[in-house]
C-alpha atoms as a PDB file:
ATOM      1  CA  MET A   1       7.068 263.289 145.928  1.00  0.00           C
ATOM      2  CA  LYS A   2      10.751 264.782 147.023  1.00  0.00           C
ATOM      3  CA  GLU A   3      12.827 262.050 148.353  1.00  0.00           C
ATOM      4  CA  THR A   4      13.938 262.494 151.867  1.00  0.00           C
ATOM      5  CA  THR A   5      17.628 262.202 152.885  1.00  0.00           C
ATOM      6  CA  PHE A   6      18.495 261.131 156.092  1.00  0.00           C
ATOM      7  CA  VAL A   7      21.374 263.357 157.561  1.00  0.00           C
ATOM      8  CA  PRO A   8      23.696 261.668 160.098  1.00  0.00           C
ATOM      9  CA  PRO A   9      24.545 263.005 163.471  1.00  0.00           C
ATOM     10  CA  ILE A  10      28.277 263.762 162.460  1.00  0.00           C
ATOM     11  CA  LYS A  11      28.907 266.516 160.123  1.00  0.00           C
ATOM     12  CA  ILE A  12      31.546 266.250 157.472  1.00  0.00           C
ATOM     13  CA  GLN A  13      32.789 269.045 155.152  1.00  0.00           C
ATOM     14  CA  GLY A  14      31.818 268.112 151.718  1.00  0.00           C
ATOM     15  CA  ILE A  15      28.946 265.749 152.870  1.00  0.00           C
ATOM     16  CA  LYS A  16      27.103 264.274 149.918  1.00  0.00           C
ATOM     17  CA  THR A  17      23.573 264.912 151.150  1.00  0.00           C
ATOM     18  CA  LYS A  18      22.364 266.293 147.934  1.00  0.00           C
ATOM     19  CA  LEU A  19      24.134 263.903 145.760  1.00  0.00           C
ATOM     20  CA  VAL A  20      22.394 261.027 147.536  1.00  0.00           C
ATOM     21  CA  PRO A  21      19.420 260.689 145.126  1.00  0.00           C
ATOM     22  CA  GLN A  22      21.723 260.780 141.998  1.00  0.00           C
ATOM     23  CA  ILE A  23      24.065 258.086 143.582  1.00  0.00           C
ATOM     24  CA  LYS A  24      21.088 255.847 144.650  1.00  0.00           C
ATOM     25  CA  ARG A  25      19.721 255.940 141.169  1.00  0.00           C
ATOM     26  CA  ASN A  26      23.109 254.606 139.573  1.00  0.00           C
ATOM     27  CA  VAL A  27      24.261 252.062 142.341  1.00  0.00           C
ATOM     28  CA  ILE A  28      23.918 248.297 141.518  1.00  0.00           C
ATOM     29  CA  ILE A  29      23.121 246.193 144.467  1.00  0.00           C
ATOM     30  CA  ASN A  30      20.781 243.482 145.684  1.00  0.00           C
ATOM     31  CA  LYS A  31      19.903 241.857 149.032  1.00  0.00           C
ATOM     32  CA  ASP A  32      23.236 239.721 148.951  1.00  0.00           C
ATOM     33  CA  THR A  33      25.534 242.455 147.950  1.00  0.00           C
ATOM     34  CA  VAL A  34      27.929 243.642 150.322  1.00  0.00           C
ATOM     35  CA  TRP A  35      28.391 247.448 150.391  1.00  0.00           C
ATOM     36  CA  TYR A  36      31.917 248.719 151.083  1.00  0.00           C
ATOM     37  CA  GLU A  37      32.752 252.379 151.846  1.00  0.00           C
ATOM     38  CA  PRO A  38      36.626 252.765 152.434  1.00  0.00           C
ATOM     39  CA  PHE A  39      35.964 256.519 153.275  1.00  0.00           C
ATOM     40  CA  MET A  40      32.839 256.561 155.131  1.00  0.00           C
ATOM     41  CA  GLY A  41      33.103 260.069 156.411  1.00  0.00           C
ATOM     42  CA  SER A  42      29.700 260.977 157.905  1.00  0.00           C
ATOM     43  CA  GLY A  43      28.155 257.594 156.393  1.00  0.00           C
ATOM     44  CA  VAL A  44      25.412 259.730 154.598  1.00  0.00           C
ATOM     45  CA  VAL A  45      25.634 257.722 151.376  1.00  0.00           C
ATOM     46  CA  GLY A  46      25.458 254.244 152.663  1.00  0.00           C
ATOM     47  CA  PHE A  47      22.856 255.118 155.563  1.00  0.00           C
ATOM     48  CA  ASN A  48      20.757 256.283 152.748  1.00  0.00           C
ATOM     49  CA  VAL A  49      21.231 253.447 150.296  1.00  0.00           C
ATOM     50  CA  MET A  50      20.684 251.321 153.315  1.00  0.00           C
ATOM     51  CA  PRO A  51      22.104 248.023 151.918  1.00  0.00           C
ATOM     52  CA  GLN A  52      21.369 244.916 154.266  1.00  0.00           C
ATOM     53  CA  ASN A  53      25.006 244.177 154.640  1.00  0.00           C
ATOM     54  CA  ALA A  54      27.813 246.732 154.616  1.00  0.00           C
ATOM     55  CA  VAL A  55      31.340 247.615 155.907  1.00  0.00           C
ATOM     56  CA  PHE A  56      31.948 251.203 156.635  1.00  0.00           C
ATOM     57  CA  ALA A  57      35.685 252.196 157.071  1.00  0.00           C
ATOM     58  CA  ASP A  58      37.675 255.273 157.651  1.00  0.00           C
ATOM     59  CA  ILE A  59      41.281 255.949 158.609  1.00  0.00           C
ATOM     60  CA  ASN A  60      39.858 258.528 161.149  1.00  0.00           C
ATOM     61  CA  PRO A  61      39.408 256.455 164.422  1.00  0.00           C
ATOM     62  CA  HIS A  62      37.199 259.051 166.007  1.00  0.00           C
ATOM     63  CA  ILE A  63      34.444 258.667 163.392  1.00  0.00           C
ATOM     64  CA  ILE A  64      34.595 254.810 163.547  1.00  0.00           C
ATOM     65  CA  ALA A  65      34.692 255.025 167.429  1.00  0.00           C
ATOM     66  CA  PHE A  66      31.514 257.061 167.578  1.00  0.00           C
ATOM     67  CA  TYR A  67      29.504 254.777 165.178  1.00  0.00           C
ATOM     68  CA  ASN A  68      30.675 251.695 166.806  1.00  0.00           C
ATOM     69  CA  GLN A  69      29.555 253.087 170.260  1.00  0.00           C
ATOM     70  CA  ILE A  70      26.023 253.548 168.842  1.00  0.00           C
ATOM     71  CA  ASN A  71      26.386 250.043 167.078  1.00  0.00           C
ATOM     72  CA  ASN A  72      27.187 248.408 170.572  1.00  0.00           C
ATOM     73  CA  GLY A  73      24.624 250.519 172.472  1.00  0.00           C
ATOM     74  CA  THR A  74      27.380 252.276 174.468  1.00  0.00           C
ATOM     75  CA  ILE A  75      25.897 255.666 172.955  1.00  0.00           C
ATOM     76  CA  SER A  76      22.131 255.862 172.559  1.00  0.00           C
ATOM     77  CA  ALA A  77      19.720 258.823 171.886  1.00  0.00           C
ATOM     78  CA  GLY A  78      18.907 259.167 175.452  1.00  0.00           C
ATOM     79  CA  ILE A  79      22.719 259.334 176.364  1.00  0.00           C
ATOM     80  CA  VAL A  80      23.385 261.876 173.636  1.00  0.00           C
ATOM     81  CA  ARG A  81      20.374 264.082 174.949  1.00  0.00           C
ATOM     82  CA  GLN A  82      21.668 264.071 178.470  1.00  0.00           C
ATOM     83  CA  PHE A  83      25.175 264.789 177.451  1.00  0.00           C
ATOM     84  CA  LEU A  84      24.560 267.623 175.081  1.00  0.00           C
ATOM     85  CA  GLU A  85      22.076 269.169 177.588  1.00  0.00           C
ATOM     86  CA  GLN A  86      24.799 269.041 180.271  1.00  0.00           C
ATOM     87  CA  GLU A  87      27.617 270.337 178.090  1.00  0.00           C
ATOM     88  CA  GLY A  88      25.434 272.874 176.239  1.00  0.00           C
ATOM     89  CA  LYS A  89      24.729 274.649 179.647  1.00  0.00           C
ATOM     90  CA  LYS A  90      28.416 274.654 180.257  1.00  0.00           C
ATOM     91  CA  LEU A  91      29.067 276.295 176.947  1.00  0.00           C
ATOM     92  CA  GLU A  92      26.528 278.980 177.611  1.00  0.00           C
ATOM     93  CA  GLU A  93      28.294 279.892 180.641  1.00  0.00           C
ATOM     94  CA  GLY A  94      31.922 279.307 179.601  1.00  0.00           C
ATOM     95  CA  ASP A  95      31.635 280.391 175.945  1.00  0.00           C
ATOM     96  CA  ASP A  96      34.985 279.872 174.022  1.00  0.00           C
ATOM     97  CA  LYS A  97      36.885 279.169 177.222  1.00  0.00           C
ATOM     98  CA  TYR A  98      34.792 275.837 177.615  1.00  0.00           C
ATOM     99  CA  TYR A  99      34.890 274.989 174.057  1.00  0.00           C
ATOM    100  CA  TYR A 100      38.746 274.867 174.104  1.00  0.00           C
ATOM    101  CA  GLU A 101      38.603 273.084 177.320  1.00  0.00           C
ATOM    102  CA  VAL A 102      36.466 270.386 175.722  1.00  0.00           C
ATOM    103  CA  ARG A 103      38.834 270.263 172.639  1.00  0.00           C
ATOM    104  CA  GLU A 104      41.750 269.770 174.980  1.00  0.00           C
ATOM    105  CA  ARG A 105      39.979 266.963 176.860  1.00  0.00           C
ATOM    106  CA  PHE A 106      39.072 265.245 173.707  1.00  0.00           C
ATOM    107  CA  ASN A 107      42.631 265.387 172.359  1.00  0.00           C
ATOM    108  CA  ALA A 108      43.733 263.898 175.602  1.00  0.00           C
ATOM    109  CA  HIS A 109      41.128 260.949 175.800  1.00  0.00           C
ATOM    110  CA  HIS A 110      39.094 260.760 172.641  1.00  0.00           C
ATOM    111  CA  ASN A 111      35.667 260.422 174.137  1.00  0.00           C
ATOM    112  CA  PRO A 112      33.218 260.048 171.190  1.00  0.00           C
ATOM    113  CA  LEU A 113      30.700 262.230 172.824  1.00  0.00           C
ATOM    114  CA  ASP A 114      33.424 265.024 173.039  1.00  0.00           C
ATOM    115  CA  PHE A 115      33.778 264.492 169.480  1.00  0.00           C
ATOM    116  CA  LEU A 116      30.170 264.968 168.736  1.00  0.00           C
ATOM    117  CA  PHE A 117      30.085 268.046 170.900  1.00  0.00           C
ATOM    118  CA  LEU A 118      33.084 269.518 169.155  1.00  0.00           C
ATOM    119  CA  ASN A 119      31.837 268.660 165.581  1.00  0.00           C
ATOM    120  CA  ARG A 120      28.376 270.580 166.364  1.00  0.00           C
ATOM    121  CA  SER A 121      29.911 273.754 168.115  1.00  0.00           C
ATOM    122  CA  CYS A 122      33.222 274.293 166.087  1.00  0.00           C
ATOM    123  CA  PHE A 123      33.547 276.643 163.009  1.00  0.00           C
ATOM    124  CA  ASN A 124      31.400 275.448 160.279  1.00  0.00           C
ATOM    125  CA  GLY A 125      31.078 271.675 161.461  1.00  0.00           C
ATOM    126  CA  MET A 126      34.619 271.068 160.178  1.00  0.00           C
ATOM    127  CA  ILE A 127      36.630 268.163 160.962  1.00  0.00           C
ATOM    128  CA  ARG A 128      40.366 269.072 160.727  1.00  0.00           C
ATOM    129  CA  PHE A 129      43.508 267.593 162.415  1.00  0.00           C
ATOM    130  CA  ASN A 130      46.876 268.971 162.764  1.00  0.00           C
ATOM    131  CA  LYS A 131      50.069 266.880 162.003  1.00  0.00           C
ATOM    132  CA  ASN A 132      49.932 265.520 165.464  1.00  0.00           C
ATOM    133  CA  TYR A 133      46.519 264.105 164.897  1.00  0.00           C
ATOM    134  CA  GLU A 134      44.882 266.682 167.138  1.00  0.00           C
ATOM    135  CA  PHE A 135      41.511 268.142 166.535  1.00  0.00           C
ATOM    136  CA  ASN A 136      42.372 271.893 165.823  1.00  0.00           C
ATOM    137  CA  VAL A 137      39.096 273.589 164.465  1.00  0.00           C
ATOM    138  CA  PRO A 138      38.481 276.811 166.222  1.00  0.00           C
ATOM    139  CA  TYR A 139      35.370 277.553 168.022  1.00  0.00           C
ATOM    140  CA  GLY A 140      32.244 278.701 166.161  1.00  0.00           C
ATOM    141  CA  HIS A 141      31.427 281.353 168.550  1.00  0.00           C
ATOM    142  CA  LYS A 142      27.880 280.107 169.127  1.00  0.00           C
ATOM    143  CA  PRO A 143      27.473 279.815 172.992  1.00  0.00           C
ATOM    144  CA  TYR A 144      23.824 278.969 172.711  1.00  0.00           C
ATOM    145  CA  ARG A 145      24.460 276.660 169.925  1.00  0.00           C
ATOM    146  CA  PHE A 146      22.606 273.637 172.054  1.00  0.00           C
ATOM    147  CA  SER A 147      19.170 274.864 172.015  1.00  0.00           C
ATOM    148  CA  LYS A 148      16.552 272.452 172.961  1.00  0.00           C
ATOM    149  CA  ALA A 149      15.412 272.192 169.136  1.00  0.00           C
ATOM    150  CA  TYR A 150      19.005 271.599 168.094  1.00  0.00           C
ATOM    151  CA  ILE A 151      19.662 268.947 170.699  1.00  0.00           C
ATOM    152  CA  THR A 152      16.401 267.161 169.621  1.00  0.00           C
ATOM    153  CA  LYS A 153      17.389 267.108 165.997  1.00  0.00           C
ATOM    154  CA  ILE A 154      20.796 265.597 166.729  1.00  0.00           C
ATOM    155  CA  VAL A 155      18.949 262.965 169.223  1.00  0.00           C
ATOM    156  CA  ASN A 156      16.670 261.926 166.419  1.00  0.00           C
ATOM    157  CA  GLN A 157      19.534 261.576 163.982  1.00  0.00           C
ATOM    158  CA  VAL A 158      21.257 259.171 166.421  1.00  0.00           C
ATOM    159  CA  TYR A 159      17.706 257.290 167.264  1.00  0.00           C
ATOM    160  CA  HIS A 160      17.212 256.807 163.400  1.00  0.00           C
ATOM    161  CA  LEU A 161      20.549 255.209 163.058  1.00  0.00           C
ATOM    162  CA  GLU A 162      20.137 253.085 166.193  1.00  0.00           C
ATOM    163  CA  ASN A 163      16.975 251.597 164.491  1.00  0.00           C
ATOM    164  CA  LEU A 164      18.622 250.966 161.167  1.00  0.00           C
ATOM    165  CA  LEU A 165      21.451 249.013 163.040  1.00  0.00           C
ATOM    166  CA  LYS A 166      18.814 246.841 164.576  1.00  0.00           C
ATOM    167  CA  THR A 167      17.739 245.546 161.152  1.00  0.00           C
ATOM    168  CA  HIS A 168      21.109 245.601 159.204  1.00  0.00           C
ATOM    169  CA  SER A 169      24.271 243.981 159.428  1.00  0.00           C
ATOM    170  CA  TRP A 170      26.657 246.815 159.397  1.00  0.00           C
ATOM    171  CA  THR A 171      30.381 246.855 160.611  1.00  0.00           C
ATOM    172  CA  PHE A 172      32.430 249.890 161.233  1.00  0.00           C
ATOM    173  CA  LEU A 173      36.358 249.648 160.640  1.00  0.00           C
ATOM    174  CA  CYS A 174      39.295 251.900 161.052  1.00  0.00           C
ATOM    175  CA  GLN A 175      41.634 250.859 158.355  1.00  0.00           C
ATOM    176  CA  PRO A 176      43.407 252.141 155.205  1.00  0.00           C
ATOM    177  CA  PHE A 177      41.235 252.045 152.101  1.00  0.00           C
ATOM    178  CA  GLU A 178      43.454 249.460 150.476  1.00  0.00           C
ATOM    179  CA  ASP A 179      42.396 246.991 153.240  1.00  0.00           C
ATOM    180  CA  THR A 180      38.818 247.647 152.874  1.00  0.00           C
ATOM    181  CA  ILE A 181      38.768 247.359 149.074  1.00  0.00           C
ATOM    182  CA  LYS A 182      40.650 243.855 149.163  1.00  0.00           C
ATOM    183  CA  MET A 183      37.776 242.629 151.225  1.00  0.00           C
ATOM    184  CA  ALA A 184      35.170 243.231 148.444  1.00  0.00           C
ATOM    185  CA  GLN A 185      34.210 240.007 146.219  1.00  0.00           C
ATOM    186  CA  LYS A 186      32.522 239.873 142.717  1.00  0.00           C
ATOM    187  CA  ASN A 187      29.128 240.498 143.621  1.00  0.00           C
ATOM    188  CA  ASP A 188      29.866 243.276 145.931  1.00  0.00           C
ATOM    189  CA  PHE A 189      29.766 247.084 145.501  1.00  0.00           C
ATOM    190  CA  ILE A 190      32.471 249.527 146.506  1.00  0.00           C
ATOM    191  CA  TYR A 191      31.474 253.291 146.979  1.00  0.00           C
ATOM    192  CA  CYS A 192      34.470 255.869 147.417  1.00  0.00           C
ATOM    193  CA  ASP A 193      34.365 259.353 148.557  1.00  0.00           C
ATOM    194  CA  PRO A 194      38.047 260.057 149.022  1.00  0.00           C
ATOM    195  CA  PRO A 195      39.471 263.403 149.951  1.00  0.00           C
ATOM    196  CA  TYR A 196      39.225 265.340 146.679  1.00  0.00           C
ATOM    197  CA  ILE A 197      42.891 265.862 145.186  1.00  0.00           C
ATOM    198  CA  GLY A 198      43.874 269.512 145.039  1.00  0.00           C
ATOM    199  CA  ARG A 199      40.931 270.441 147.327  1.00  0.00           C
ATOM    200  CA  HIS A 200      40.409 268.742 150.681  1.00  0.00           C
ATOM    201  CA  VAL A 201      43.239 269.310 153.285  1.00  0.00           C
ATOM    202  CA  ASP A 202      43.815 268.330 156.888  1.00  0.00           C
ATOM    203  CA  TYR A 203      40.669 266.019 157.150  1.00  0.00           C
ATOM    204  CA  TYR A 204      42.910 263.380 159.007  1.00  0.00           C
ATOM    205  CA  ASP A 205      45.801 262.694 156.730  1.00  0.00           C
ATOM    206  CA  SER A 206      47.224 263.992 153.420  1.00  0.00           C
ATOM    207  CA  TRP A 207      45.893 263.080 150.038  1.00  0.00           C
ATOM    208  CA  ASP A 208      48.147 263.486 146.701  1.00  0.00           C
ATOM    209  CA  GLU A 209      48.814 262.023 143.542  1.00  0.00           C
ATOM    210  CA  LYS A 210      50.382 259.017 144.763  1.00  0.00           C
ATOM    211  CA  SER A 211      47.168 258.323 146.800  1.00  0.00           C
ATOM    212  CA  GLU A 212      44.961 258.990 143.891  1.00  0.00           C
ATOM    213  CA  ILE A 213      46.792 256.561 141.660  1.00  0.00           C
ATOM    214  CA  ALA A 214      46.887 254.009 144.604  1.00  0.00           C
ATOM    215  CA  LEU A 215      43.188 254.152 144.884  1.00  0.00           C
ATOM    216  CA  HIS A 216      42.761 253.718 141.155  1.00  0.00           C
ATOM    217  CA  ASP A 217      44.949 250.698 140.995  1.00  0.00           C
ATOM    218  CA  ALA A 218      43.050 249.066 144.169  1.00  0.00           C
ATOM    219  CA  LEU A 219      39.660 249.737 142.478  1.00  0.00           C
ATOM    220  CA  THR A 220      40.462 248.570 138.977  1.00  0.00           C
ATOM    221  CA  ASN A 221      42.178 245.338 140.501  1.00  0.00           C
ATOM    222  CA  SER A 222      39.011 244.564 142.354  1.00  0.00           C
ATOM    223  CA  LYS A 223      36.457 242.478 140.780  1.00  0.00           C
ATOM    224  CA  ALA A 224      33.669 244.371 142.443  1.00  0.00           C
ATOM    225  CA  LYS A 225      31.596 247.108 140.829  1.00  0.00           C
ATOM    226  CA  PHE A 226      32.737 250.616 142.136  1.00  0.00           C
ATOM    227  CA  MET A 227      31.456 254.045 142.093  1.00  0.00           C
ATOM    228  CA  LEU A 228      33.872 257.148 142.930  1.00  0.00           C
ATOM    229  CA  SER A 229      32.876 260.652 143.944  1.00  0.00           C
ATOM    230  CA  THR A 230      35.231 263.339 142.657  1.00  0.00           C
ATOM    231  CA  TRP A 231      35.262 266.940 141.489  1.00  0.00           C
ATOM    232  CA  HIS A 232      35.162 267.296 137.504  1.00  0.00           C
ATOM    233  CA  HIS A 233      35.477 271.070 136.977  1.00  0.00           C
ATOM    234  CA  ASN A 234      34.938 274.602 137.993  1.00  0.00           C
ATOM    235  CA  LYS A 235      35.190 277.882 136.190  1.00  0.00           C
ATOM    236  CA  TYR A 236      38.953 278.135 137.019  1.00  0.00           C
ATOM    237  CA  ARG A 237      40.259 274.855 136.301  1.00  0.00           C
ATOM    238  CA  VAL A 238      39.551 271.147 135.384  1.00  0.00           C
ATOM    239  CA  ASN A 239      40.334 268.083 137.397  1.00  0.00           C
ATOM    240  CA  LYS A 240      43.252 266.547 135.307  1.00  0.00           C
ATOM    241  CA  TYR A 241      43.189 263.403 137.219  1.00  0.00           C
ATOM    242  CA  ILE A 242      39.979 262.262 135.493  1.00  0.00           C
ATOM    243  CA  ASP A 243      41.690 262.083 132.155  1.00  0.00           C
ATOM    244  CA  ASP A 244      45.093 261.101 133.642  1.00  0.00           C
ATOM    245  CA  VAL A 245      44.220 258.564 136.152  1.00  0.00           C
ATOM    246  CA  TRP A 246      40.629 257.727 135.685  1.00  0.00           C
ATOM    247  CA  ASP A 247      40.482 257.549 132.040  1.00  0.00           C
ATOM    248  CA  GLY A 248      38.114 254.563 130.877  1.00  0.00           C
ATOM    249  CA  CYS A 249      35.549 255.127 133.726  1.00  0.00           C
ATOM    250  CA  PHE A 250      31.909 256.081 132.905  1.00  0.00           C
ATOM    251  CA  ALA A 251      30.789 259.416 134.242  1.00  0.00           C
ATOM    252  CA  VAL A 252      27.709 261.293 135.334  1.00  0.00           C
ATOM    253  CA  THR A 253      28.116 264.870 136.742  1.00  0.00           C
ATOM    254  CA  GLN A 254      26.026 267.328 138.749  1.00  0.00           C
ATOM    255  CA  GLU A 255      26.591 271.062 139.582  1.00  0.00           C
ATOM    256  CA  HIS A 256      26.978 272.122 143.052  1.00  0.00           C
ATOM    257  CA  PHE A 257      27.877 275.109 145.106  1.00  0.00           C
ATOM    258  CA  TYR A 258      30.557 274.954 147.528  1.00  0.00           C
ATOM    259  CA  HIS A 259      30.534 277.461 150.206  1.00  0.00           C
ATOM    260  CA  VAL A 260      33.664 278.570 152.409  1.00  0.00           C
ATOM    261  CA  GLY A 261      32.972 280.996 155.050  1.00  0.00           C
ATOM    262  CA  ALA A 262      30.057 283.402 155.125  1.00  0.00           C
ATOM    263  CA  LYS A 263      30.743 285.668 152.352  1.00  0.00           C
ATOM    264  CA  GLU A 264      28.879 285.367 148.993  1.00  0.00           C
ATOM    265  CA  GLU A 265      32.147 286.094 147.047  1.00  0.00           C
ATOM    266  CA  ASN A 266      33.629 282.792 148.479  1.00  0.00           C
ATOM    267  CA  ARG A 267      30.669 280.736 146.920  1.00  0.00           C
ATOM    268  CA  ASN A 268      31.685 279.137 143.728  1.00  0.00           C
ATOM    269  CA  PRO A 269      29.939 276.472 141.474  1.00  0.00           C
ATOM    270  CA  VAL A 270      31.881 273.288 140.932  1.00  0.00           C
ATOM    271  CA  VAL A 271      30.749 270.287 138.807  1.00  0.00           C
ATOM    272  CA  GLU A 272      30.958 266.952 140.631  1.00  0.00           C
ATOM    273  CA  ALA A 273      31.560 263.640 139.086  1.00  0.00           C
ATOM    274  CA  LEU A 274      30.402 260.140 139.711  1.00  0.00           C
ATOM    275  CA  LEU A 275      32.873 257.676 138.151  1.00  0.00           C
ATOM    276  CA  THR A 276      32.165 254.020 137.663  1.00  0.00           C
ATOM    277  CA  ASN A 277      33.497 250.801 136.017  1.00  0.00           C
ATOM    278  CA  TYR A 278      30.107 250.087 134.651  1.00  0.00           C
ATOM    279  CA  SER A 279      27.805 252.062 132.166  1.00  0.00           C
ATOM    280  CA  ILE A 280      25.675 254.655 133.925  1.00  0.00           C
ATOM    281  CA  THR A 281      24.561 256.531 130.852  1.00  0.00           C
ATOM    282  CA  GLY A 282      24.921 253.696 128.352  1.00  0.00           C
ATOM    283  CA  ASN A 283      27.636 255.314 126.377  1.00  0.00           C
ATOM    284  CA  LYS A 284      31.387 255.382 127.527  1.00  0.00           C
ATOM    285  CA  ASP A 285      32.499 258.653 128.840  1.00  0.00           C
ATOM    286  CA  GLU A 286      28.970 260.323 128.070  1.00  0.00           C
ATOM    287  CA  VAL A 287      28.520 263.012 130.643  1.00  0.00           C
ATOM    288  CA  SER A 288      24.904 264.269 131.407  1.00  0.00           C
ATOM    289  CA  ILE A 289      24.714 267.457 133.344  1.00  0.00           C
ATOM    290  CA  VAL A 290      21.807 267.627 136.057  1.00  0.00           C
ATOM    291  CA  ASN A 291      21.077 271.304 136.797  1.00  0.00           C
ATOM    292  CA  GLU A 292      20.722 270.842 140.601  1.00  0.00           C
ATOM    293  CA  GLN A 293      22.655 273.335 142.904  1.00  0.00           C
ATOM    294  CA  LEU A 294      23.381 272.720 146.389  1.00  0.00           C
ATOM    295  CA  THR A 295      24.859 274.715 149.167  1.00  0.00           C
ATOM    296  CA  PHE A 296      26.853 273.324 152.241  1.00  0.00           C
ATOM    297  CA  ASP A 297      29.682 274.435 154.534  1.00  0.00           C
ATOM    298  CA  THR A 298      33.241 273.100 153.722  1.00  0.00           C
ATOM    299  CA  ILE A 299      36.527 273.983 153.560  1.00  0.00           C
ATOM    300  CA  PHE A 300      38.936 273.565 150.640  1.00  0.00           C
ATOM    301  CA  SER A 301      42.628 274.535 149.887  1.00  0.00           C
ATOM    302  CA  ALA A 302      42.051 276.000 146.513  1.00  0.00           C
ATOM    303  CA  THR A 303      38.463 277.819 146.039  1.00  0.00           C
END
């Protein structure tokens, strides 16, 4: 039977939905392991691995605020339905004018429900901020975006997460990745999905070679097992940092299609890599190719 992957209520460019089965097959955890995600993004990986104990962290305060409000009951499936029905009607009437009104409102007051609304009605479901940390993604030009079926889909996602939080001990923290990695102990597990160096831009802060090296040093100095998601190569170039920075890690790869915009010519395959400090395939640096292709909306700086 095909494994079902739970899709979270927040959309993130580069979301790992189709990589989840591969990740789940290769993580090493037990009931006492604390799962750490220093770059939780949508949370799709940890929410599907479903460790009993977890710390989900991100430097984006709006993602953390949204999930914390679900965790403490401030946001519920019922509240989300009521809010999206109300705001959806206003979007139908006001179209782009109302979208930008909500965007301005969010940048002033940072309401997590406005964040959800923008995430689901902006262009391609992107999350991007300017240098002043203001959400700046343009309108997706779909005034009837919040149909009854679409709202129900989002509500069900929130409801599923509410139920997970009742039976699991999960904490959501807004902090730098270094602080999260330092929390991990010998028997814990760290899963990292950082911005892809040379590809992701404007997610919430910049990511460069210095950041990549700092992440490597933090992970290799930790006593915990770790897994890192990154890009391996595409038909134009190879991620040189796998050899320059991550040399010594074990790797397993999987082919993906990244999709920028709506045109076919913008769709290009890229091979993703999962890098670990423990053997995945049994032989150091052995790379196994899994011929599974996926398409999702995202934005990169060099595609």
